[in-house]
Amino acid sequence: DHLSQQAINSQRLPISDLFNQSSASPLKSNFQYKQRNYTC
């Protein structure tokens, strides 16, 4: 009940908006996944 129906089905972030926004201002970050360090 915290998600839209689309998110219930896929549990994905709205990546199309993220990709579109990035063209104006590139996004970069570091993050940890399963106790390992990544860049993205």
Full PDB file with SEQRES, HELIX, SHEET, SSBOND, CRYST1, ORIGX, SCALE, CONECT and MASTER records, all heavy atoms in Angstrom:
SEQRES   1 A   40  ASP HIS LEU SER GLN GLN ALA ILE ASN SER GLN ARG LEU          
SEQRES   2 A   40  PRO ILE SER ASP LEU PHE ASN GLN SER SER ALA SER PRO          
SEQRES   3 A   40  LEU LYS SER ASN PHE GLN TYR LYS GLN ARG ASN TYR THR          
SEQRES   4 A   40  CYS                                                          
HELIX    1 AA1 GLN A    5  SER A   10  1                                   6    
HELIX    2 AA2 ILE A   15  SER A   22  1                                   8    
SHEET    1 AA1 2 ASN A  30  TYR A  33  0                                        
SHEET    2 AA1 2 ARG A  36  THR A  39 -1                                        
CRYST1    1.000    1.000    1.000  90.00  90.00  90.00 P 1           1          
ORIGX1      1.000000  0.000000  0.000000        0.00000                         
ORIGX2      0.000000  1.000000  0.000000        0.00000                         
ORIGX3      0.000000  0.000000  1.000000        0.00000                         
SCALE1      1.000000  0.000000  0.000000        0.00000                         
SCALE2      0.000000  1.000000  0.000000        0.00000                         
SCALE3      0.000000  0.000000  1.000000        0.00000                         
ATOM      1  N   ASP A   1       0.812  -1.203   0.000  1.00  0.00           N  
ATOM      2  CA  ASP A   1       0.000   0.000   0.000  1.00  0.00           C  
ATOM      3  C   ASP A   1       0.854   1.266   0.000  1.00  0.00           C  
ATOM      4  O   ASP A   1       0.336   2.371  -0.018  1.00  0.00           O  
ATOM      5  CB  ASP A   1      -0.949   0.018   1.207  1.00  0.00           C  
ATOM      6  CG  ASP A   1      -0.201  -0.041   2.540  1.00  0.00           C  
ATOM      7  OD1 ASP A   1       1.029  -0.152   2.547  1.00  0.00           O  
ATOM      8  OD2 ASP A   1      -0.871   0.010   3.573  1.00  0.00           O  
ATOM      9  N   HIS A   2       2.171   1.090  -0.002  1.00  0.00           N  
ATOM     10  CA  HIS A   2       3.071   2.244  -0.043  1.00  0.00           C  
ATOM     11  C   HIS A   2       3.570   2.510  -1.452  1.00  0.00           C  
ATOM     12  O   HIS A   2       4.242   3.496  -1.711  1.00  0.00           O  
ATOM     13  CB  HIS A   2       4.269   1.978   0.875  1.00  0.00           C  
ATOM     14  CG  HIS A   2       5.196   3.134   1.029  1.00  0.00           C  
ATOM     15  ND1 HIS A   2       4.829   4.317   1.611  1.00  0.00           N  
ATOM     16  CD2 HIS A   2       6.496   3.271   0.669  1.00  0.00           C  
ATOM     17  CE1 HIS A   2       5.855   5.140   1.615  1.00  0.00           C  
ATOM     18  NE2 HIS A   2       6.880   4.541   1.047  1.00  0.00           N  
ATOM     19  N   LEU A   3       3.221   1.623  -2.395  1.00  0.00           N  
ATOM     20  CA  LEU A   3       3.731   1.712  -3.748  1.00  0.00           C  
ATOM     21  C   LEU A   3       2.612   1.920  -4.747  1.00  0.00           C  
ATOM     22  O   LEU A   3       1.472   1.541  -4.505  1.00  0.00           O  
ATOM     23  CB  LEU A   3       4.470   0.414  -4.120  1.00  0.00           C  
ATOM     24  CG  LEU A   3       5.650   0.018  -3.230  1.00  0.00           C  
ATOM     25  CD1 LEU A   3       6.066  -1.395  -3.548  1.00  0.00           C  
ATOM     26  CD2 LEU A   3       6.797   0.971  -3.456  1.00  0.00           C  
ATOM     27  N   SER A   4       2.934   2.485  -5.868  1.00  0.00           N  
ATOM     28  CA  SER A   4       1.999   2.484  -6.983  1.00  0.00           C  
ATOM     29  C   SER A   4       1.872   1.075  -7.507  1.00  0.00           C  
ATOM     30  O   SER A   4       2.692   0.213  -7.214  1.00  0.00           O  
ATOM     31  CB  SER A   4       2.527   3.401  -8.096  1.00  0.00           C  
ATOM     32  OG  SER A   4       3.708   2.855  -8.647  1.00  0.00           O  
ATOM     33  N   GLN A   5       0.837   0.798  -8.309  1.00  0.00           N  
ATOM     34  CA  GLN A   5       0.668  -0.552  -8.819  1.00  0.00           C  
ATOM     35  C   GLN A   5       1.858  -0.970  -9.671  1.00  0.00           C  
ATOM     36  O   GLN A   5       2.297  -2.114  -9.618  1.00  0.00           O  
ATOM     37  CB  GLN A   5      -0.623  -0.644  -9.656  1.00  0.00           C  
ATOM     38  CG  GLN A   5      -0.992  -2.078 -10.046  1.00  0.00           C  
ATOM     39  CD  GLN A   5      -1.214  -2.951  -8.833  1.00  0.00           C  
ATOM     40  OE1 GLN A   5      -1.899  -2.584  -7.899  1.00  0.00           O  
ATOM     41  NE2 GLN A   5      -0.573  -4.120  -8.828  1.00  0.00           N  
ATOM     42  N   GLN A   6       2.433  -0.018 -10.420  1.00  0.00           N  
ATOM     43  CA  GLN A   6       3.595  -0.356 -11.221  1.00  0.00           C  
ATOM     44  C   GLN A   6       4.765  -0.763 -10.332  1.00  0.00           C  
ATOM     45  O   GLN A   6       5.490  -1.712 -10.615  1.00  0.00           O  
ATOM     46  CB  GLN A   6       4.005   0.830 -12.093  1.00  0.00           C  
ATOM     47  CG  GLN A   6       5.228   0.547 -12.965  1.00  0.00           C  
ATOM     48  CD  GLN A   6       5.618   1.739 -13.793  1.00  0.00           C  
ATOM     49  OE1 GLN A   6       4.993   2.782 -13.724  1.00  0.00           O  
ATOM     50  NE2 GLN A   6       6.660   1.570 -14.591  1.00  0.00           N  
ATOM     51  N   ALA A   7       4.939  -0.047  -9.245  1.00  0.00           N  
ATOM     52  CA  ALA A   7       6.029  -0.389  -8.350  1.00  0.00           C  
ATOM     53  C   ALA A   7       5.770  -1.696  -7.623  1.00  0.00           C  
ATOM     54  O   ALA A   7       6.693  -2.433  -7.311  1.00  0.00           O  
ATOM     55  CB  ALA A   7       6.244   0.745  -7.331  1.00  0.00           C  
ATOM     56  N   ILE A   8       4.504  -2.000  -7.340  1.00  0.00           N  
ATOM     57  CA  ILE A   8       4.184  -3.286  -6.726  1.00  0.00           C  
ATOM     58  C   ILE A   8       4.609  -4.416  -7.647  1.00  0.00           C  
ATOM     59  O   ILE A   8       5.177  -5.422  -7.222  1.00  0.00           O  
ATOM     60  CB  ILE A   8       2.677  -3.394  -6.432  1.00  0.00           C  
ATOM     61  CG1 ILE A   8       2.280  -2.406  -5.334  1.00  0.00           C  
ATOM     62  CG2 ILE A   8       2.292  -4.804  -6.030  1.00  0.00           C  
ATOM     63  CD1 ILE A   8       0.796  -2.286  -5.140  1.00  0.00           C  
ATOM     64  N   ASN A   9       4.347  -4.250  -8.923  1.00  0.00           N  
ATOM     65  CA  ASN A   9       4.654  -5.310  -9.876  1.00  0.00           C  
ATOM     66  C   ASN A   9       6.153  -5.458 -10.099  1.00  0.00           C  
ATOM     67  O   ASN A   9       6.652  -6.557 -10.289  1.00  0.00           O  
ATOM     68  CB  ASN A   9       3.964  -5.032 -11.220  1.00  0.00           C  
ATOM     69  CG  ASN A   9       2.464  -5.117 -11.108  1.00  0.00           C  
ATOM     70  OD1 ASN A   9       1.943  -5.795 -10.232  1.00  0.00           O  
ATOM     71  ND2 ASN A   9       1.761  -4.422 -11.990  1.00  0.00           N  
ATOM     72  N   SER A  10       6.886  -4.353 -10.086  1.00  0.00           N  
ATOM     73  CA  SER A  10       8.294  -4.447 -10.445  1.00  0.00           C  
ATOM     74  C   SER A  10       9.252  -3.990  -9.349  1.00  0.00           C  
ATOM     75  O   SER A  10      10.416  -4.340  -9.373  1.00  0.00           O  
ATOM     76  CB  SER A  10       8.565  -3.584 -11.681  1.00  0.00           C  
ATOM     77  OG  SER A  10       8.350  -2.214 -11.382  1.00  0.00           O  
ATOM     78  N   GLN A  11       8.763  -3.198  -8.389  1.00  0.00           N  
ATOM     79  CA  GLN A  11       9.587  -2.623  -7.327  1.00  0.00           C  
ATOM     80  C   GLN A  11      10.810  -1.904  -7.900  1.00  0.00           C  
ATOM     81  O   GLN A  11      11.925  -1.998  -7.394  1.00  0.00           O  
ATOM     82  CB  GLN A  11      10.028  -3.712  -6.335  1.00  0.00           C  
ATOM     83  CG  GLN A  11       8.854  -4.292  -5.565  1.00  0.00           C  
ATOM     84  CD  GLN A  11       9.288  -5.173  -4.425  1.00  0.00           C  
ATOM     85  OE1 GLN A  11      10.456  -5.264  -4.104  1.00  0.00           O  
ATOM     86  NE2 GLN A  11       8.352  -5.828  -3.796  1.00  0.00           N  
ATOM     87  N   ARG A  12      10.608  -1.173  -8.993  1.00  0.00           N  
ATOM     88  CA  ARG A  12      11.698  -0.440  -9.622  1.00  0.00           C  
ATOM     89  C   ARG A  12      11.525   1.054  -9.403  1.00  0.00           C  
ATOM     90  O   ARG A  12      10.418   1.556  -9.269  1.00  0.00           O  
ATOM     91  CB  ARG A  12      11.730  -0.720 -11.130  1.00  0.00           C  
ATOM     92  CG  ARG A  12      12.085  -2.150 -11.466  1.00  0.00           C  
ATOM     93  CD  ARG A  12      11.935  -2.381 -12.950  1.00  0.00           C  
ATOM     94  NE  ARG A  12      12.295  -3.729 -13.296  1.00  0.00           N  
ATOM     95  CZ  ARG A  12      13.522  -4.098 -13.640  1.00  0.00           C  
ATOM     96  NH1 ARG A  12      14.482  -3.216 -13.670  1.00  0.00           N  
ATOM     97  NH2 ARG A  12      13.779  -5.347 -13.945  1.00  0.00           N  
ATOM     98  N   LEU A  13      12.635   1.747  -9.429  1.00  0.00           N  
ATOM     99  CA  LEU A  13      12.592   3.196  -9.361  1.00  0.00           C  
ATOM    100  C   LEU A  13      12.193   3.766 -10.718  1.00  0.00           C  
ATOM    101  O   LEU A  13      12.341   3.106 -11.750  1.00  0.00           O  
ATOM    102  CB  LEU A  13      13.981   3.711  -8.976  1.00  0.00           C  
ATOM    103  CG  LEU A  13      14.420   3.354  -7.553  1.00  0.00           C  
ATOM    104  CD1 LEU A  13      15.899   3.623  -7.409  1.00  0.00           C  
ATOM    105  CD2 LEU A  13      13.630   4.142  -6.532  1.00  0.00           C  
ATOM    106  N   PRO A  14      11.693   4.988 -10.772  1.00  0.00           N  
ATOM    107  CA  PRO A  14      11.303   5.611 -12.043  1.00  0.00           C  
ATOM    108  C   PRO A  14      12.537   6.010 -12.835  1.00  0.00           C  
ATOM    109  O   PRO A  14      12.909   7.177 -12.915  1.00  0.00           O  
ATOM    110  CB  PRO A  14      10.502   6.838 -11.593  1.00  0.00           C  
ATOM    111  CG  PRO A  14      11.072   7.181 -10.261  1.00  0.00           C  
ATOM    112  CD  PRO A  14      11.430   5.873  -9.615  1.00  0.00           C  
ATOM    113  N   ILE A  15      13.197   5.022 -13.466  1.00  0.00           N  
ATOM    114  CA  ILE A  15      14.509   5.268 -14.041  1.00  0.00           C  
ATOM    115  C   ILE A  15      14.445   6.146 -15.282  1.00  0.00           C  
ATOM    116  O   ILE A  15      15.422   6.804 -15.605  1.00  0.00           O  
ATOM    117  CB  ILE A  15      15.246   3.959 -14.348  1.00  0.00           C  
ATOM    118  CG1 ILE A  15      14.485   3.157 -15.407  1.00  0.00           C  
ATOM    119  CG2 ILE A  15      15.433   3.143 -13.114  1.00  0.00           C  
ATOM    120  CD1 ILE A  15      15.257   1.945 -15.873  1.00  0.00           C  
ATOM    121  N   SER A  16      13.320   6.168 -15.995  1.00  0.00           N  
ATOM    122  CA  SER A  16      13.258   7.022 -17.172  1.00  0.00           C  
ATOM    123  C   SER A  16      13.414   8.480 -16.773  1.00  0.00           C  
ATOM    124  O   SER A  16      14.120   9.246 -17.423  1.00  0.00           O  
ATOM    125  CB  SER A  16      11.932   6.809 -17.902  1.00  0.00           C  
ATOM    126  OG  SER A  16      10.838   7.090 -17.048  1.00  0.00           O  
ATOM    127  N   ASP A  17      12.771   8.888 -15.667  1.00  0.00           N  
ATOM    128  CA  ASP A  17      12.930  10.250 -15.179  1.00  0.00           C  
ATOM    129  C   ASP A  17      14.386  10.519 -14.784  1.00  0.00           C  
ATOM    130  O   ASP A  17      14.926  11.590 -15.039  1.00  0.00           O  
ATOM    131  CB  ASP A  17      12.024  10.495 -13.967  1.00  0.00           C  
ATOM    132  CG  ASP A  17      10.551  10.481 -14.358  1.00  0.00           C  
ATOM    133  OD1 ASP A  17      10.257  10.598 -15.555  1.00  0.00           O  
ATOM    134  OD2 ASP A  17       9.716  10.337 -13.456  1.00  0.00           O  
ATOM    135  N   LEU A  18      15.005   9.535 -14.158  1.00  0.00           N  
ATOM    136  CA  LEU A  18      16.388   9.693 -13.709  1.00  0.00           C  
ATOM    137  C   LEU A  18      17.325   9.864 -14.895  1.00  0.00           C  
ATOM    138  O   LEU A  18      18.195  10.736 -14.907  1.00  0.00           O  
ATOM    139  CB  LEU A  18      16.793   8.473 -12.883  1.00  0.00           C  
ATOM    140  CG  LEU A  18      18.178   8.491 -12.227  1.00  0.00           C  
ATOM    141  CD1 LEU A  18      18.287   9.650 -11.280  1.00  0.00           C  
ATOM    142  CD2 LEU A  18      18.412   7.176 -11.508  1.00  0.00           C  
ATOM    143  N   PHE A  19      17.159   9.040 -15.943  1.00  0.00           N  
ATOM    144  CA  PHE A  19      18.002   9.156 -17.127  1.00  0.00           C  
ATOM    145  C   PHE A  19      17.784  10.498 -17.833  1.00  0.00           C  
ATOM    146  O   PHE A  19      18.720  11.130 -18.295  1.00  0.00           O  
ATOM    147  CB  PHE A  19      17.719   8.003 -18.097  1.00  0.00           C  
ATOM    148  CG  PHE A  19      18.462   6.744 -17.757  1.00  0.00           C  
ATOM    149  CD1 PHE A  19      17.947   5.843 -16.850  1.00  0.00           C  
ATOM    150  CD2 PHE A  19      19.683   6.464 -18.346  1.00  0.00           C  
ATOM    151  CE1 PHE A  19      18.626   4.679 -16.539  1.00  0.00           C  
ATOM    152  CE2 PHE A  19      20.381   5.301 -18.037  1.00  0.00           C  
ATOM    153  CZ  PHE A  19      19.851   4.414 -17.130  1.00  0.00           C  
ATOM    154  N   ASN A  20      16.533  10.924 -17.926  1.00  0.00           N  
ATOM    155  CA  ASN A  20      16.248  12.197 -18.593  1.00  0.00           C  
ATOM    156  C   ASN A  20      16.862  13.364 -17.840  1.00  0.00           C  
ATOM    157  O   ASN A  20      17.421  14.289 -18.418  1.00  0.00           O  
ATOM    158  CB  ASN A  20      14.736  12.400 -18.718  1.00  0.00           C  
ATOM    159  CG  ASN A  20      14.124  11.415 -19.702  1.00  0.00           C  
ATOM    160  OD1 ASN A  20      14.811  10.906 -20.583  1.00  0.00           O  
ATOM    161  ND2 ASN A  20      12.845  11.132 -19.531  1.00  0.00           N  
ATOM    162  N   GLN A  21      16.754  13.329 -16.513  1.00  0.00           N  
ATOM    163  CA  GLN A  21      17.292  14.424 -15.706  1.00  0.00           C  
ATOM    164  C   GLN A  21      18.812  14.477 -15.788  1.00  0.00           C  
ATOM    165  O   GLN A  21      19.410  15.525 -15.772  1.00  0.00           O  
ATOM    166  CB  GLN A  21      16.854  14.260 -14.244  1.00  0.00           C  
ATOM    167  CG  GLN A  21      17.159  15.461 -13.340  1.00  0.00           C  
ATOM    168  CD  GLN A  21      18.531  15.371 -12.704  1.00  0.00           C  
ATOM    169  OE1 GLN A  21      19.084  14.300 -12.584  1.00  0.00           O  
ATOM    170  NE2 GLN A  21      19.069  16.509 -12.291  1.00  0.00           N  
ATOM    171  N   SER A  22      19.441  13.284 -15.942  1.00  0.00           N  
ATOM    172  CA  SER A  22      20.898  13.230 -15.897  1.00  0.00           C  
ATOM    173  C   SER A  22      21.545  13.918 -17.083  1.00  0.00           C  
ATOM    174  O   SER A  22      22.685  14.327 -17.027  1.00  0.00           O  
ATOM    175  CB  SER A  22      21.367  11.779 -15.845  1.00  0.00           C  
ATOM    176  OG  SER A  22      21.107  11.136 -17.079  1.00  0.00           O  
ATOM    177  N   SER A  23      20.821  14.019 -18.210  1.00  0.00           N  
ATOM    178  CA  SER A  23      21.419  14.639 -19.385  1.00  0.00           C  
ATOM    179  C   SER A  23      21.729  16.112 -19.141  1.00  0.00           C  
ATOM    180  O   SER A  23      22.648  16.671 -19.719  1.00  0.00           O  
ATOM    181  CB  SER A  23      20.479  14.498 -20.590  1.00  0.00           C  
ATOM    182  OG  SER A  23      19.250  15.164 -20.329  1.00  0.00           O  
ATOM    183  N   ALA A  24      20.938  16.748 -18.269  1.00  0.00           N  
ATOM    184  CA  ALA A  24      21.188  18.153 -17.951  1.00  0.00           C  
ATOM    185  C   ALA A  24      22.257  18.300 -16.877  1.00  0.00           C  
ATOM    186  O   ALA A  24      23.028  19.242 -16.878  1.00  0.00           O  
ATOM    187  CB  ALA A  24      19.891  18.812 -17.485  1.00  0.00           C  
ATOM    188  N   SER A  25      22.310  17.356 -15.950  1.00  0.00           N  
ATOM    189  CA  SER A  25      23.274  17.414 -14.856  1.00  0.00           C  
ATOM    190  C   SER A  25      23.743  16.004 -14.534  1.00  0.00           C  
ATOM    191  O   SER A  25      23.036  15.261 -13.848  1.00  0.00           O  
ATOM    192  CB  SER A  25      22.611  18.049 -13.620  1.00  0.00           C  
ATOM    193  OG  SER A  25      23.499  18.062 -12.530  1.00  0.00           O  
ATOM    194  N   PRO A  26      24.895  15.581 -15.062  1.00  0.00           N  
ATOM    195  CA  PRO A  26      25.345  14.191 -14.886  1.00  0.00           C  
ATOM    196  C   PRO A  26      25.408  13.797 -13.420  1.00  0.00           C  
ATOM    197  O   PRO A  26      25.818  14.579 -12.563  1.00  0.00           O  
ATOM    198  CB  PRO A  26      26.736  14.202 -15.531  1.00  0.00           C  
ATOM    199  CG  PRO A  26      26.700  15.339 -16.501  1.00  0.00           C  
ATOM    200  CD  PRO A  26      25.816  16.370 -15.879  1.00  0.00           C  
ATOM    201  N   LEU A  27      25.008  12.553 -13.135  1.00  0.00           N  
ATOM    202  CA  LEU A  27      24.991  12.039 -11.771  1.00  0.00           C  
ATOM    203  C   LEU A  27      26.076  10.985 -11.606  1.00  0.00           C  
ATOM    204  O   LEU A  27      26.239  10.104 -12.452  1.00  0.00           O  
ATOM    205  CB  LEU A  27      23.626  11.421 -11.461  1.00  0.00           C  
ATOM    206  CG  LEU A  27      22.423  12.360 -11.457  1.00  0.00           C  
ATOM    207  CD1 LEU A  27      21.140  11.571 -11.254  1.00  0.00           C  
ATOM    208  CD2 LEU A  27      22.562  13.409 -10.379  1.00  0.00           C  
ATOM    209  N   LYS A  28      26.818  11.069 -10.508  1.00  0.00           N  
ATOM    210  CA  LYS A  28      27.835  10.079 -10.179  1.00  0.00           C  
ATOM    211  C   LYS A  28      27.804   9.868  -8.673  1.00  0.00           C  
ATOM    212  O   LYS A  28      27.506  10.783  -7.914  1.00  0.00           O  
ATOM    213  CB  LYS A  28      29.232  10.547 -10.605  1.00  0.00           C  
ATOM    214  CG  LYS A  28      29.415  10.790 -12.099  1.00  0.00           C  
ATOM    215  CD  LYS A  28      30.818  11.290 -12.394  1.00  0.00           C  
ATOM    216  CE  LYS A  28      30.986  11.637 -13.859  1.00  0.00           C  
ATOM    217  NZ  LYS A  28      32.361  12.145 -14.156  1.00  0.00           N  
ATOM    218  N   SER A  29      28.136   8.645  -8.247  1.00  0.00           N  
ATOM    219  CA  SER A  29      28.131   8.388  -6.813  1.00  0.00           C  
ATOM    220  C   SER A  29      28.905   7.113  -6.511  1.00  0.00           C  
ATOM    221  O   SER A  29      29.207   6.319  -7.406  1.00  0.00           O  
ATOM    222  CB  SER A  29      26.694   8.263  -6.285  1.00  0.00           C  
ATOM    223  OG  SER A  29      26.690   8.117  -4.870  1.00  0.00           O  
ATOM    224  N   ASN A  30      29.211   6.934  -5.236  1.00  0.00           N  
ATOM    225  CA  ASN A  30      29.751   5.679  -4.717  1.00  0.00           C  
ATOM    226  C   ASN A  30      28.669   5.034  -3.867  1.00  0.00           C  
ATOM    227  O   ASN A  30      27.835   5.730  -3.268  1.00  0.00           O  
ATOM    228  CB  ASN A  30      30.995   5.924  -3.864  1.00  0.00           C  
ATOM    229  CG  ASN A  30      32.104   6.603  -4.638  1.00  0.00           C  
ATOM    230  OD1 ASN A  30      32.372   6.247  -5.775  1.00  0.00           O  
ATOM    231  ND2 ASN A  30      32.748   7.592  -4.019  1.00  0.00           N  
ATOM    232  N   PHE A  31      28.675   3.725  -3.797  1.00  0.00           N  
ATOM    233  CA  PHE A  31      27.712   3.050  -2.930  1.00  0.00           C  
ATOM    234  C   PHE A  31      28.242   1.690  -2.526  1.00  0.00           C  
ATOM    235  O   PHE A  31      29.189   1.163  -3.134  1.00  0.00           O  
ATOM    236  CB  PHE A  31      26.342   2.921  -3.617  1.00  0.00           C  
ATOM    237  CG  PHE A  31      26.288   1.954  -4.768  1.00  0.00           C  
ATOM    238  CD1 PHE A  31      25.740   0.683  -4.606  1.00  0.00           C  
ATOM    239  CD2 PHE A  31      26.763   2.303  -6.020  1.00  0.00           C  
ATOM    240  CE1 PHE A  31      25.679  -0.206  -5.665  1.00  0.00           C  
ATOM    241  CE2 PHE A  31      26.695   1.434  -7.092  1.00  0.00           C  
ATOM    242  CZ  PHE A  31      26.156   0.162  -6.916  1.00  0.00           C  
ATOM    243  N   GLN A  32      27.633   1.128  -1.490  1.00  0.00           N  
ATOM    244  CA  GLN A  32      27.975  -0.205  -1.023  1.00  0.00           C  
ATOM    245  C   GLN A  32      26.841  -1.161  -1.344  1.00  0.00           C  
ATOM    246  O   GLN A  32      25.670  -0.827  -1.191  1.00  0.00           O  
ATOM    247  CB  GLN A  32      28.227  -0.224   0.486  1.00  0.00           C  
ATOM    248  CG  GLN A  32      29.667   0.077   0.871  1.00  0.00           C  
ATOM    249  CD  GLN A  32      29.987  -0.431   2.263  1.00  0.00           C  
ATOM    250  OE1 GLN A  32      29.124  -0.675   3.093  1.00  0.00           O  
ATOM    251  NE2 GLN A  32      31.277  -0.598   2.535  1.00  0.00           N  
ATOM    252  N   TYR A  33      27.197  -2.352  -1.812  1.00  0.00           N  
ATOM    253  CA  TYR A  33      26.204  -3.399  -2.079  1.00  0.00           C  
ATOM    254  C   TYR A  33      26.801  -4.715  -1.621  1.00  0.00           C  
ATOM    255  O   TYR A  33      27.884  -5.107  -2.049  1.00  0.00           O  
ATOM    256  CB  TYR A  33      25.870  -3.451  -3.565  1.00  0.00           C  
ATOM    257  CG  TYR A  33      24.902  -4.546  -3.948  1.00  0.00           C  
ATOM    258  CD1 TYR A  33      23.557  -4.454  -3.605  1.00  0.00           C  
ATOM    259  CD2 TYR A  33      25.331  -5.669  -4.630  1.00  0.00           C  
ATOM    260  CE1 TYR A  33      22.669  -5.459  -3.942  1.00  0.00           C  
ATOM    261  CE2 TYR A  33      24.442  -6.675  -4.977  1.00  0.00           C  
ATOM    262  CZ  TYR A  33      23.117  -6.567  -4.633  1.00  0.00           C  
ATOM    263  OH  TYR A  33      22.220  -7.573  -4.961  1.00  0.00           O  
ATOM    264  N   LYS A  34      26.095  -5.377  -0.683  1.00  0.00           N  
ATOM    265  CA  LYS A  34      26.571  -6.636  -0.105  1.00  0.00           C  
ATOM    266  C   LYS A  34      28.004  -6.481   0.417  1.00  0.00           C  
ATOM    267  O   LYS A  34      28.874  -7.322   0.184  1.00  0.00           O  
ATOM    268  CB  LYS A  34      26.473  -7.780  -1.105  1.00  0.00           C  
ATOM    269  CG  LYS A  34      25.033  -8.155  -1.448  1.00  0.00           C  
ATOM    270  CD  LYS A  34      24.946  -9.378  -2.324  1.00  0.00           C  
ATOM    271  CE  LYS A  34      23.491  -9.769  -2.538  1.00  0.00           C  
ATOM    272  NZ  LYS A  34      23.340 -10.954  -3.411  1.00  0.00           N  
ATOM    273  N   GLN A  35      28.225  -5.374   1.106  1.00  0.00           N  
ATOM    274  CA  GLN A  35      29.474  -5.078   1.796  1.00  0.00           C  
ATOM    275  C   GLN A  35      30.660  -4.922   0.840  1.00  0.00           C  
ATOM    276  O   GLN A  35      31.814  -5.136   1.217  1.00  0.00           O  
ATOM    277  CB  GLN A  35      29.773  -6.154   2.852  1.00  0.00           C  
ATOM    278  CG  GLN A  35      28.696  -6.246   3.923  1.00  0.00           C  
ATOM    279  CD  GLN A  35      28.988  -7.278   4.976  1.00  0.00           C  
ATOM    280  OE1 GLN A  35      29.967  -8.008   4.896  1.00  0.00           O  
ATOM    281  NE2 GLN A  35      28.156  -7.343   5.992  1.00  0.00           N  
ATOM    282  N   ARG A  36      30.393  -4.531  -0.419  1.00  0.00           N  
ATOM    283  CA  ARG A  36      31.452  -4.233  -1.374  1.00  0.00           C  
ATOM    284  C   ARG A  36      31.229  -2.822  -1.918  1.00  0.00           C  
ATOM    285  O   ARG A  36      30.092  -2.371  -2.031  1.00  0.00           O  
ATOM    286  CB  ARG A  36      31.482  -5.244  -2.516  1.00  0.00           C  
ATOM    287  CG  ARG A  36      31.663  -6.680  -2.040  1.00  0.00           C  
ATOM    288  CD  ARG A  36      31.831  -7.612  -3.233  1.00  0.00           C  
ATOM    289  NE  ARG A  36      33.171  -7.513  -3.790  1.00  0.00           N  
ATOM    290  CZ  ARG A  36      33.444  -7.644  -5.081  1.00  0.00           C  
ATOM    291  NH1 ARG A  36      32.477  -7.828  -5.956  1.00  0.00           N  
ATOM    292  NH2 ARG A  36      34.696  -7.581  -5.516  1.00  0.00           N  
ATOM    293  N   ASN A  37      32.323  -2.134  -2.255  1.00  0.00           N  
ATOM    294  CA  ASN A  37      32.243  -0.752  -2.714  1.00  0.00           C  
ATOM    295  C   ASN A  37      32.161  -0.690  -4.240  1.00  0.00           C  
ATOM    296  O   ASN A  37      32.921  -1.368  -4.939  1.00  0.00           O  
ATOM    297  CB  ASN A  37      33.470   0.035  -2.235  1.00  0.00           C  
ATOM    298  CG  ASN A  37      33.513   0.159  -0.725  1.00  0.00           C  
ATOM    299  OD1 ASN A  37      32.487   0.418  -0.091  1.00  0.00           O  
ATOM    300  ND2 ASN A  37      34.678  -0.025  -0.141  1.00  0.00           N  
ATOM    301  N   TYR A  38      31.232   0.125  -4.740  1.00  0.00           N  
ATOM    302  CA  TYR A  38      31.039   0.300  -6.171  1.00  0.00           C  
ATOM    303  C   TYR A  38      30.983   1.793  -6.490  1.00  0.00           C  
ATOM    304  O   TYR A  38      30.699   2.618  -5.614  1.00  0.00           O  
ATOM    305  CB  TYR A  38      29.725  -0.343  -6.633  1.00  0.00           C  
ATOM    306  CG  TYR A  38      29.683  -1.851  -6.513  1.00  0.00           C  
ATOM    307  CD1 TYR A  38      29.367  -2.466  -5.301  1.00  0.00           C  
ATOM    308  CD2 TYR A  38      29.937  -2.658  -7.616  1.00  0.00           C  
ATOM    309  CE1 TYR A  38      29.324  -3.847  -5.195  1.00  0.00           C  
ATOM    310  CE2 TYR A  38      29.891  -4.039  -7.525  1.00  0.00           C  
ATOM    311  CZ  TYR A  38      29.582  -4.629  -6.312  1.00  0.00           C  
ATOM    312  OH  TYR A  38      29.525  -6.011  -6.217  1.00  0.00           O  
ATOM    313  N   THR A  39      31.241   2.119  -7.755  1.00  0.00           N  
ATOM    314  CA  THR A  39      30.972   3.456  -8.262  1.00  0.00           C  
ATOM    315  C   THR A  39      29.909   3.339  -9.346  1.00  0.00           C  
ATOM    316  O   THR A  39      29.811   2.313 -10.029  1.00  0.00           O  
ATOM    317  CB  THR A  39      32.237   4.105  -8.844  1.00  0.00           C  
ATOM    318  OG1 THR A  39      32.731   3.300  -9.919  1.00  0.00           O  
ATOM    319  CG2 THR A  39      33.313   4.244  -7.786  1.00  0.00           C  
ATOM    320  N   CYS A  40      29.112   4.389  -9.507  1.00  0.00           N  
ATOM    321  CA  CYS A  40      28.074   4.360 -10.527  1.00  0.00           C  
ATOM    322  C   CYS A  40      27.850   5.768 -11.058  1.00  0.00           C  
ATOM    323  O   CYS A  40      28.182   6.758 -10.403  1.00  0.00           O  
ATOM    324  CB  CYS A  40      26.761   3.783  -9.972  1.00  0.00           C  
ATOM    325  SG  CYS A  40      26.034   4.749  -8.634  1.00  0.00           S  
TER     326      CYS A  40                                                      
MASTER        0    0    0    2    2    0    0    6  325    1    0    4          
END                                                                             
